[in-house]
């Protein structure tokens, strides 16, 4: 997988989904998929109740998730600042 390739070549990479950090990526930062699905459900409900999809406003993501893999940071010889840990939604050890 791409995370193994990056780690094998000592490349500190950032990925869009937490799954990448769980599988060995350094950091994942992207939209909170659960929040996006919740918003999509609200849109579907409005359409099923008769609203015209063309009249619905475009919504942008409001929540983002930050996942940090400490084991990968150590393997790459990186020190992750405490301020970044404080902002993380999930830290993988």
PDB file of N, CA and C in Angstrom:
ATOM      1  N   UNK A   1       0.837  -1.181   0.000  1.00  0.00           N
ATOM      2  CA  UNK A   1       0.000   0.000   0.000  1.00  0.00           C
ATOM      3  C   UNK A   1       0.884   1.248   0.000  1.00  0.00           C
ATOM      4  N   UNK A   2       0.289   2.371  -0.290  1.00  0.00           N
ATOM      5  CA  UNK A   2       1.011   3.632  -0.414  1.00  0.00           C
ATOM      6  C   UNK A   2       1.710   4.027   0.891  1.00  0.00           C
ATOM      7  N   UNK A   3       1.091   3.704   2.035  1.00  0.00           N
ATOM      8  CA  UNK A   3       1.712   4.066   3.312  1.00  0.00           C
ATOM      9  C   UNK A   3       3.015   3.299   3.524  1.00  0.00           C
ATOM     10  N   UNK A   4       3.056   2.035   3.139  1.00  0.00           N
ATOM     11  CA  UNK A   4       4.277   1.230   3.277  1.00  0.00           C
ATOM     12  C   UNK A   4       5.372   1.759   2.344  1.00  0.00           C
ATOM     13  N   UNK A   5       4.991   2.179   1.160  1.00  0.00           N
ATOM     14  CA  UNK A   5       5.944   2.738   0.205  1.00  0.00           C
ATOM     15  C   UNK A   5       6.545   4.035   0.747  1.00  0.00           C
ATOM     16  N   UNK A   6       5.709   4.899   1.286  1.00  0.00           N
ATOM     17  CA  UNK A   6       6.200   6.164   1.849  1.00  0.00           C
ATOM     18  C   UNK A   6       7.122   5.908   3.039  1.00  0.00           C
ATOM     19  N   UNK A   7       6.709   5.018   3.925  1.00  0.00           N
ATOM     20  CA  UNK A   7       7.522   4.717   5.105  1.00  0.00           C
ATOM     21  C   UNK A   7       8.840   4.062   4.705  1.00  0.00           C
ATOM     22  N   UNK A   8       8.780   3.138   3.743  1.00  0.00           N
ATOM     23  CA  UNK A   8       9.992   2.464   3.276  1.00  0.00           C
ATOM     24  C   UNK A   8      11.009   3.415   2.669  1.00  0.00           C
ATOM     25  N   UNK A   9      10.528   4.507   2.103  1.00  0.00           N
ATOM     26  CA  UNK A   9      11.417   5.506   1.511  1.00  0.00           C
ATOM     27  C   UNK A   9      11.648   6.711   2.418  1.00  0.00           C
ATOM     28  N   UNK A  10      11.208   6.577   3.671  1.00  0.00           N
ATOM     29  CA  UNK A  10      11.390   7.634   4.684  1.00  0.00           C
ATOM     30  C   UNK A  10      10.755   8.958   4.263  1.00  0.00           C
ATOM     31  N   UNK A  11       9.541   8.871   3.685  1.00  0.00           N
ATOM     32  CA  UNK A  11       8.814  10.061   3.256  1.00  0.00           C
ATOM     33  C   UNK A  11       7.707  10.358   4.264  1.00  0.00           C
ATOM     34  N   UNK A  12       7.771  11.501   4.949  1.00  0.00           N
ATOM     35  CA  UNK A  12       6.694  11.858   5.884  1.00  0.00           C
ATOM     36  C   UNK A  12       5.483  12.386   5.105  1.00  0.00           C
ATOM     37  N   UNK A  13       4.493  11.529   4.943  1.00  0.00           N
ATOM     38  CA  UNK A  13       3.341  11.871   4.106  1.00  0.00           C
ATOM     39  C   UNK A  13       2.094  12.155   4.940  1.00  0.00           C
ATOM     40  N   UNK A  14       1.245  13.010   4.390  1.00  0.00           N
ATOM     41  CA  UNK A  14      -0.043  13.345   5.002  1.00  0.00           C
ATOM     42  C   UNK A  14      -1.129  12.809   4.070  1.00  0.00           C
ATOM     43  N   UNK A  15      -2.132  12.158   4.671  1.00  0.00           N
ATOM     44  CA  UNK A  15      -3.177  11.484   3.908  1.00  0.00           C
ATOM     45  C   UNK A  15      -4.543  12.093   4.204  1.00  0.00           C
ATOM     46  N   UNK A  16      -5.541  11.855   3.329  1.00  0.00           N
ATOM     47  CA  UNK A  16      -6.851  12.487   3.506  1.00  0.00           C
ATOM     48  C   UNK A  16      -7.821  11.767   4.435  1.00  0.00           C
ATOM     49  N   UNK A  17      -7.556  10.501   4.774  1.00  0.00           N
ATOM     50  CA  UNK A  17      -8.496   9.733   5.592  1.00  0.00           C
ATOM     51  C   UNK A  17      -7.768   9.047   6.742  1.00  0.00           C
ATOM     52  N   UNK A  18      -8.394   8.971   7.936  1.00  0.00           N
ATOM     53  CA  UNK A  18      -7.766   8.355   9.102  1.00  0.00           C
ATOM     54  C   UNK A  18      -7.282   6.923   8.872  1.00  0.00           C
ATOM     55  N   UNK A  19      -7.940   6.205   7.987  1.00  0.00           N
ATOM     56  CA  UNK A  19      -7.557   4.820   7.701  1.00  0.00           C
ATOM     57  C   UNK A  19      -6.079   4.720   7.312  1.00  0.00           C
ATOM     58  N   UNK A  20      -5.568   5.722   6.604  1.00  0.00           N
ATOM     59  CA  UNK A  20      -4.169   5.703   6.183  1.00  0.00           C
ATOM     60  C   UNK A  20      -3.229   5.771   7.386  1.00  0.00           C
ATOM     61  N   UNK A  21      -3.548   6.587   8.371  1.00  0.00           N
ATOM     62  CA  UNK A  21      -2.714   6.681   9.571  1.00  0.00           C
ATOM     63  C   UNK A  21      -2.797   5.394  10.380  1.00  0.00           C
ATOM     64  N   UNK A  22      -3.959   4.787  10.422  1.00  0.00           N
ATOM     65  CA  UNK A  22      -4.125   3.514  11.130  1.00  0.00           C
ATOM     66  C   UNK A  22      -3.255   2.439  10.481  1.00  0.00           C
ATOM     67  N   UNK A  23      -3.111   2.502   9.162  1.00  0.00           N
ATOM     68  CA  UNK A  23      -2.339   1.500   8.419  1.00  0.00           C
ATOM     69  C   UNK A  23      -0.858   1.843   8.320  1.00  0.00           C
ATOM     70  N   UNK A  24      -0.401   2.868   9.044  1.00  0.00           N
ATOM     71  CA  UNK A  24       1.017   3.175   9.087  1.00  0.00           C
ATOM     72  C   UNK A  24       1.430   4.512   8.517  1.00  0.00           C
ATOM     73  N   UNK A  25       0.479   5.295   8.037  1.00  0.00           N
ATOM     74  CA  UNK A  25       0.805   6.633   7.547  1.00  0.00           C
ATOM     75  C   UNK A  25       1.136   7.557   8.707  1.00  0.00           C
ATOM     76  N   UNK A  26       1.850   8.608   8.448  1.00  0.00           N
ATOM     77  CA  UNK A  26       2.255   9.539   9.504  1.00  0.00           C
ATOM     78  C   UNK A  26       1.075  10.344  10.037  1.00  0.00           C
ATOM     79  N   UNK A  27       0.417  11.076   9.164  1.00  0.00           N
ATOM     80  CA  UNK A  27      -0.686  11.952   9.580  1.00  0.00           C
ATOM     81  C   UNK A  27      -1.815  11.865   8.561  1.00  0.00           C
ATOM     82  N   UNK A  28      -3.023  11.899   9.062  1.00  0.00           N
ATOM     83  CA  UNK A  28      -4.190  11.992   8.193  1.00  0.00           C
ATOM     84  C   UNK A  28      -4.974  13.225   8.621  1.00  0.00           C
ATOM     85  N   UNK A  29      -5.325  14.048   7.650  1.00  0.00           N
ATOM     86  CA  UNK A  29      -6.105  15.244   7.925  1.00  0.00           C
ATOM     87  C   UNK A  29      -7.094  15.436   6.797  1.00  0.00           C
ATOM     88  N   UNK A  30      -8.365  15.407   7.126  1.00  0.00           N
ATOM     89  CA  UNK A  30      -9.392  15.572   6.098  1.00  0.00           C
ATOM     90  C   UNK A  30     -10.760  15.718   6.727  1.00  0.00           C
ATOM     91  N   UNK A  31     -11.770  15.747   5.876  1.00  0.00           N
ATOM     92  CA  UNK A  31     -13.130  15.929   6.368  1.00  0.00           C
ATOM     93  C   UNK A  31     -13.532  14.761   7.263  1.00  0.00           C
ATOM     94  N   UNK A  32     -14.380  15.068   8.227  1.00  0.00           N
ATOM     95  CA  UNK A  32     -14.935  14.049   9.114  1.00  0.00           C
ATOM     96  C   UNK A  32     -16.052  13.340   8.331  1.00  0.00           C
ATOM     97  N   UNK A  33     -15.790  12.111   7.909  1.00  0.00           N
ATOM     98  CA  UNK A  33     -16.734  11.404   7.051  1.00  0.00           C
ATOM     99  C   UNK A  33     -18.074  11.149   7.734  1.00  0.00           C
ATOM    100  N   UNK A  34     -18.061  10.883   9.033  1.00  0.00           N
ATOM    101  CA  UNK A  34     -19.322  10.660   9.749  1.00  0.00           C
ATOM    102  C   UNK A  34     -20.195  11.917   9.699  1.00  0.00           C
ATOM    103  N   UNK A  35     -19.577  13.061   9.862  1.00  0.00           N
ATOM    104  CA  UNK A  35     -20.310  14.328   9.788  1.00  0.00           C
ATOM    105  C   UNK A  35     -20.852  14.557   8.381  1.00  0.00           C
ATOM    106  N   UNK A  36     -20.061  14.233   7.373  1.00  0.00           N
ATOM    107  CA  UNK A  36     -20.503  14.384   5.990  1.00  0.00           C
ATOM    108  C   UNK A  36     -21.700  13.484   5.688  1.00  0.00           C
ATOM    109  N   UNK A  37     -21.659  12.255   6.178  1.00  0.00           N
ATOM    110  CA  UNK A  37     -22.769  11.332   5.947  1.00  0.00           C
ATOM    111  C   UNK A  37     -24.026  11.807   6.670  1.00  0.00           C
ATOM    112  N   UNK A  38     -23.853  12.357   7.847  1.00  0.00           N
ATOM    113  CA  UNK A  38     -24.990  12.902   8.594  1.00  0.00           C
ATOM    114  C   UNK A  38     -25.645  14.038   7.793  1.00  0.00           C
ATOM    115  N   UNK A  39     -24.819  14.922   7.247  1.00  0.00           N
ATOM    116  CA  UNK A  39     -25.339  16.030   6.441  1.00  0.00           C
ATOM    117  C   UNK A  39     -26.030  15.522   5.180  1.00  0.00           C
ATOM    118  N   UNK A  40     -25.470  14.485   4.570  1.00  0.00           N
ATOM    119  CA  UNK A  40     -26.086  13.916   3.363  1.00  0.00           C
ATOM    120  C   UNK A  40     -27.456  13.331   3.691  1.00  0.00           C
ATOM    121  N   UNK A  41     -27.575  12.722   4.865  1.00  0.00           N
ATOM    122  CA  UNK A  41     -28.865  12.186   5.288  1.00  0.00           C
ATOM    123  C   UNK A  41     -29.903  13.280   5.442  1.00  0.00           C
ATOM    124  N   UNK A  42     -29.486  14.425   5.949  1.00  0.00           N
ATOM    125  CA  UNK A  42     -30.394  15.563   6.081  1.00  0.00           C
ATOM    126  C   UNK A  42     -30.864  16.061   4.723  1.00  0.00           C
ATOM    127  N   UNK A  43     -29.947  16.088   3.768  1.00  0.00           N
ATOM    128  CA  UNK A  43     -30.317  16.477   2.401  1.00  0.00           C
ATOM    129  C   UNK A  43     -31.324  15.496   1.820  1.00  0.00           C
ATOM    130  N   UNK A  44     -31.047  14.203   1.981  1.00  0.00           N
ATOM    131  CA  UNK A  44     -31.947  13.176   1.445  1.00  0.00           C
ATOM    132  C   UNK A  44     -33.341  13.324   2.048  1.00  0.00           C
ATOM    133  N   UNK A  45     -33.403  13.575   3.340  1.00  0.00           N
ATOM    134  CA  UNK A  45     -34.700  13.744   4.005  1.00  0.00           C
ATOM    135  C   UNK A  45     -35.454  14.941   3.428  1.00  0.00           C
ATOM    136  N   UNK A  46     -34.742  16.026   3.183  1.00  0.00           N
ATOM    137  CA  UNK A  46     -35.398  17.219   2.628  1.00  0.00           C
ATOM    138  C   UNK A  46     -35.940  16.947   1.223  1.00  0.00           C
ATOM    139  N   UNK A  47     -35.197  16.207   0.430  1.00  0.00           N
ATOM    140  CA  UNK A  47     -35.640  15.877  -0.927  1.00  0.00           C
ATOM    141  C   UNK A  47     -36.839  14.945  -0.874  1.00  0.00           C
ATOM    142  N   UNK A  48     -36.787  13.948   0.017  1.00  0.00           N
ATOM    143  CA  UNK A  48     -37.905  13.011   0.142  1.00  0.00           C
ATOM    144  C   UNK A  48     -39.178  13.696   0.650  1.00  0.00           C
ATOM    145  N   UNK A  49     -39.004  14.805   1.349  1.00  0.00           N
ATOM    146  CA  UNK A  49     -40.170  15.555   1.829  1.00  0.00           C
ATOM    147  C   UNK A  49     -40.696  16.527   0.772  1.00  0.00           C
ATOM    148  N   UNK A  50     -40.064  16.536  -0.417  1.00  0.00           N
ATOM    149  CA  UNK A  50     -40.598  17.325  -1.519  1.00  0.00           C
ATOM    150  C   UNK A  50     -39.803  18.542  -1.944  1.00  0.00           C
ATOM    151  N   UNK A  51     -38.717  18.859  -1.263  1.00  0.00           N
ATOM    152  CA  UNK A  51     -37.937  20.032  -1.674  1.00  0.00           C
ATOM    153  C   UNK A  51     -37.222  19.744  -2.996  1.00  0.00           C
ATOM    154  N   UNK A  52     -37.080  20.754  -3.788  1.00  0.00           N
ATOM    155  CA  UNK A  52     -36.397  20.646  -5.067  1.00  0.00           C
ATOM    156  C   UNK A  52     -34.884  20.641  -4.820  1.00  0.00           C
ATOM    157  N   UNK A  53     -34.150  19.606  -5.265  1.00  0.00           N
ATOM    158  CA  UNK A  53     -32.699  19.559  -5.044  1.00  0.00           C
ATOM    159  C   UNK A  53     -31.961  20.789  -5.562  1.00  0.00           C
ATOM    160  N   UNK A  54     -32.460  21.386  -6.642  1.00  0.00           N
ATOM    161  CA  UNK A  54     -31.817  22.573  -7.206  1.00  0.00           C
ATOM    162  C   UNK A  54     -31.926  23.782  -6.274  1.00  0.00           C
ATOM    163  N   UNK A  55     -32.895  23.747  -5.353  1.00  0.00           N
ATOM    164  CA  UNK A  55     -33.081  24.863  -4.427  1.00  0.00           C
ATOM    165  C   UNK A  55     -32.283  24.709  -3.142  1.00  0.00           C
ATOM    166  N   UNK A  56     -31.680  23.553  -2.934  1.00  0.00           N
ATOM    167  CA  UNK A  56     -30.913  23.329  -1.704  1.00  0.00           C
ATOM    168  C   UNK A  56     -29.543  23.999  -1.814  1.00  0.00           C
ATOM    169  N   UNK A  57     -29.081  24.601  -0.730  1.00  0.00           N
ATOM    170  CA  UNK A  57     -27.778  25.270  -0.765  1.00  0.00           C
ATOM    171  C   UNK A  57     -26.628  24.253  -0.782  1.00  0.00           C
ATOM    172  N   UNK A  58     -25.526  24.673  -1.338  1.00  0.00           N
ATOM    173  CA  UNK A  58     -24.320  23.845  -1.300  1.00  0.00           C
ATOM    174  C   UNK A  58     -23.749  23.949   0.101  1.00  0.00           C
ATOM    175  N   UNK A  59     -23.384  22.820   0.666  1.00  0.00           N
ATOM    176  CA  UNK A  59     -22.787  22.816   1.999  1.00  0.00           C
ATOM    177  C   UNK A  59     -21.334  22.377   1.897  1.00  0.00           C
ATOM    178  N   UNK A  60     -20.501  23.055   2.655  1.00  0.00           N
ATOM    179  CA  UNK A  60     -19.092  22.676   2.725  1.00  0.00           C
ATOM    180  C   UNK A  60     -18.858  21.967   4.048  1.00  0.00           C
ATOM    181  N   UNK A  61     -17.820  21.167   4.127  1.00  0.00           N
ATOM    182  CA  UNK A  61     -17.530  20.472   5.383  1.00  0.00           C
ATOM    183  C   UNK A  61     -17.326  21.463   6.527  1.00  0.00           C
ATOM    184  N   UNK A  62     -17.787  21.073   7.693  1.00  0.00           N
ATOM    185  CA  UNK A  62     -17.624  21.928   8.871  1.00  0.00           C
ATOM    186  C   UNK A  62     -16.692  21.300   9.905  1.00  0.00           C
ATOM    187  N   UNK A  63     -16.484  20.005   9.811  1.00  0.00           N
ATOM    188  CA  UNK A  63     -15.605  19.315  10.757  1.00  0.00           C
ATOM    189  C   UNK A  63     -14.504  18.586   9.999  1.00  0.00           C
ATOM    190  N   UNK A  64     -13.313  18.675  10.538  1.00  0.00           N
ATOM    191  CA  UNK A  64     -12.160  17.985   9.972  1.00  0.00           C
ATOM    192  C   UNK A  64     -11.544  17.112  11.056  1.00  0.00           C
ATOM    193  N   UNK A  65     -10.911  16.027  10.655  1.00  0.00           N
ATOM    194  CA  UNK A  65     -10.317  15.094  11.610  1.00  0.00           C
ATOM    195  C   UNK A  65      -8.803  15.033  11.398  1.00  0.00           C
ATOM    196  N   UNK A  66      -8.060  15.043  12.501  1.00  0.00           N
ATOM    197  CA  UNK A  66      -6.601  14.933  12.482  1.00  0.00           C
ATOM    198  C   UNK A  66      -6.209  13.670  13.237  1.00  0.00           C
ATOM    199  N   UNK A  67      -5.487  12.783  12.556  1.00  0.00           N
ATOM    200  CA  UNK A  67      -5.015  11.535  13.160  1.00  0.00           C
ATOM    201  C   UNK A  67      -3.500  11.497  13.019  1.00  0.00           C
ATOM    202  N   UNK A  68      -2.815  11.180  14.111  1.00  0.00           N
ATOM    203  CA  UNK A  68      -1.349  11.123  14.103  1.00  0.00           C
ATOM    204  C   UNK A  68      -0.900   9.735  14.542  1.00  0.00           C
ATOM    205  N   UNK A  69       0.061   9.156  13.818  1.00  0.00           N
ATOM    206  CA  UNK A  69       0.612   7.851  14.153  1.00  0.00           C
ATOM    207  C   UNK A  69       2.001   8.063  14.770  1.00  0.00           C
ATOM    208  N   UNK A  70       2.081   7.864  16.088  1.00  0.00           N
ATOM    209  CA  UNK A  70       3.345   8.087  16.811  1.00  0.00           C
ATOM    210  C   UNK A  70       4.412   7.089  16.383  1.00  0.00           C
ATOM    211  N   UNK A  71       4.019   5.848  16.188  1.00  0.00           N
ATOM    212  CA  UNK A  71       4.966   4.797  15.806  1.00  0.00           C
ATOM    213  C   UNK A  71       5.649   5.157  14.486  1.00  0.00           C
ATOM    214  N   UNK A  72       4.889   5.661  13.535  1.00  0.00           N
ATOM    215  CA  UNK A  72       5.454   6.054  12.247  1.00  0.00           C
ATOM    216  C   UNK A  72       6.365   7.263  12.407  1.00  0.00           C
ATOM    217  N   UNK A  73       5.972   8.216  13.247  1.00  0.00           N
ATOM    218  CA  UNK A  73       6.817   9.395  13.486  1.00  0.00           C
ATOM    219  C   UNK A  73       8.177   8.970  14.040  1.00  0.00           C
ATOM    220  N   UNK A  74       8.161   8.042  14.990  1.00  0.00           N
ATOM    221  CA  UNK A  74       9.431   7.545  15.557  1.00  0.00           C
ATOM    222  C   UNK A  74      10.253   6.822  14.509  1.00  0.00           C
ATOM    223  N   UNK A  75       9.596   6.010  13.655  1.00  0.00           N
ATOM    224  CA  UNK A  75      10.306   5.279  12.604  1.00  0.00           C
ATOM    225  C   UNK A  75      10.964   6.232  11.613  1.00  0.00           C
ATOM    226  N   UNK A  76      10.365   7.382  11.410  1.00  0.00           N
ATOM    227  CA  UNK A  76      10.920   8.379  10.496  1.00  0.00           C
ATOM    228  C   UNK A  76      11.908   9.317  11.186  1.00  0.00           C
ATOM    229  N   UNK A  77      12.046   9.180  12.503  1.00  0.00           N
ATOM    230  CA  UNK A  77      12.956  10.037  13.254  1.00  0.00           C
ATOM    231  C   UNK A  77      12.416  11.440  13.455  1.00  0.00           C
ATOM    232  N   UNK A  78      11.095  11.565  13.506  1.00  0.00           N
ATOM    233  CA  UNK A  78      10.465  12.878  13.663  1.00  0.00           C
ATOM    234  C   UNK A  78       9.939  13.085  15.073  1.00  0.00           C
ATOM    235  N   UNK A  79       9.976  14.310  15.517  1.00  0.00           N
ATOM    236  CA  UNK A  79       9.376  14.691  16.787  1.00  0.00           C
ATOM    237  C   UNK A  79       8.139  15.520  16.461  1.00  0.00           C
ATOM    238  N   UNK A  80       6.995  15.048  16.912  1.00  0.00           N
ATOM    239  CA  UNK A  80       5.745  15.753  16.662  1.00  0.00           C
ATOM    240  C   UNK A  80       5.532  16.749  17.794  1.00  0.00           C
ATOM    241  N   UNK A  81       5.323  18.027  17.487  1.00  0.00           N
ATOM    242  CA  UNK A  81       5.131  19.039  18.524  1.00  0.00           C
ATOM    243  C   UNK A  81       3.909  18.745  19.402  1.00  0.00           C
ATOM    244  N   UNK A  82       4.016  19.085  20.658  1.00  0.00           N
ATOM    245  CA  UNK A  82       2.913  18.871  21.602  1.00  0.00           C
ATOM    246  C   UNK A  82       1.664  19.634  21.171  1.00  0.00           C
ATOM    247  N   UNK A  83       1.838  20.782  20.543  1.00  0.00           N
ATOM    248  CA  UNK A  83       0.682  21.561  20.097  1.00  0.00           C
ATOM    249  C   UNK A  83      -0.115  20.815  19.029  1.00  0.00           C
ATOM    250  N   UNK A  84       0.562  20.014  18.222  1.00  0.00           N
ATOM    251  CA  UNK A  84      -0.128  19.212  17.212  1.00  0.00           C
ATOM    252  C   UNK A  84      -0.874  18.052  17.868  1.00  0.00           C
ATOM    253  N   UNK A  85      -0.259  17.443  18.873  1.00  0.00           N
ATOM    254  CA  UNK A  85      -0.939  16.374  19.619  1.00  0.00           C
ATOM    255  C   UNK A  85      -2.206  16.907  20.293  1.00  0.00           C
ATOM    256  N   UNK A  86      -2.131  18.125  20.794  1.00  0.00           N
ATOM    257  CA  UNK A  86      -3.281  18.719  21.478  1.00  0.00           C
ATOM    258  C   UNK A  86      -4.462  18.908  20.534  1.00  0.00           C
ATOM    259  N   UNK A  87      -4.186  19.104  19.266  1.00  0.00           N
ATOM    260  CA  UNK A  87      -5.252  19.309  18.275  1.00  0.00           C
ATOM    261  C   UNK A  87      -5.755  18.020  17.654  1.00  0.00           C
ATOM    262  N   UNK A  88      -5.055  16.913  17.863  1.00  0.00           N
ATOM    263  CA  UNK A  88      -5.399  15.645  17.218  1.00  0.00           C
ATOM    264  C   UNK A  88      -6.710  15.073  17.756  1.00  0.00           C
ATOM    265  N   UNK A  89      -7.486  14.515  16.828  1.00  0.00           N
ATOM    266  CA  UNK A  89      -8.716  13.825  17.210  1.00  0.00           C
ATOM    267  C   UNK A  89      -8.404  12.394  17.632  1.00  0.00           C
ATOM    268  N   UNK A  90      -7.316  11.840  17.063  1.00  0.00           N
ATOM    269  CA  UNK A  90      -6.912  10.476  17.396  1.00  0.00           C
ATOM    270  C   UNK A  90      -5.404  10.375  17.297  1.00  0.00           C
ATOM    271  N   UNK A  91      -4.803   9.716  18.279  1.00  0.00           N
ATOM    272  CA  UNK A  91      -3.355   9.467  18.276  1.00  0.00           C
ATOM    273  C   UNK A  91      -3.162   7.961  18.336  1.00  0.00           C
ATOM    274  N   UNK A  92      -2.432   7.435  17.363  1.00  0.00           N
ATOM    275  CA  UNK A  92      -2.190   6.000  17.289  1.00  0.00           C
ATOM    276  C   UNK A  92      -0.782   5.731  17.820  1.00  0.00           C
ATOM    277  N   UNK A  93      -0.713   4.823  18.796  1.00  0.00           N
ATOM    278  CA  UNK A  93       0.587   4.515  19.414  1.00  0.00           C
ATOM    279  C   UNK A  93       1.092   3.162  19.001  1.00  0.00           C
TER     280      UNK A  93
END
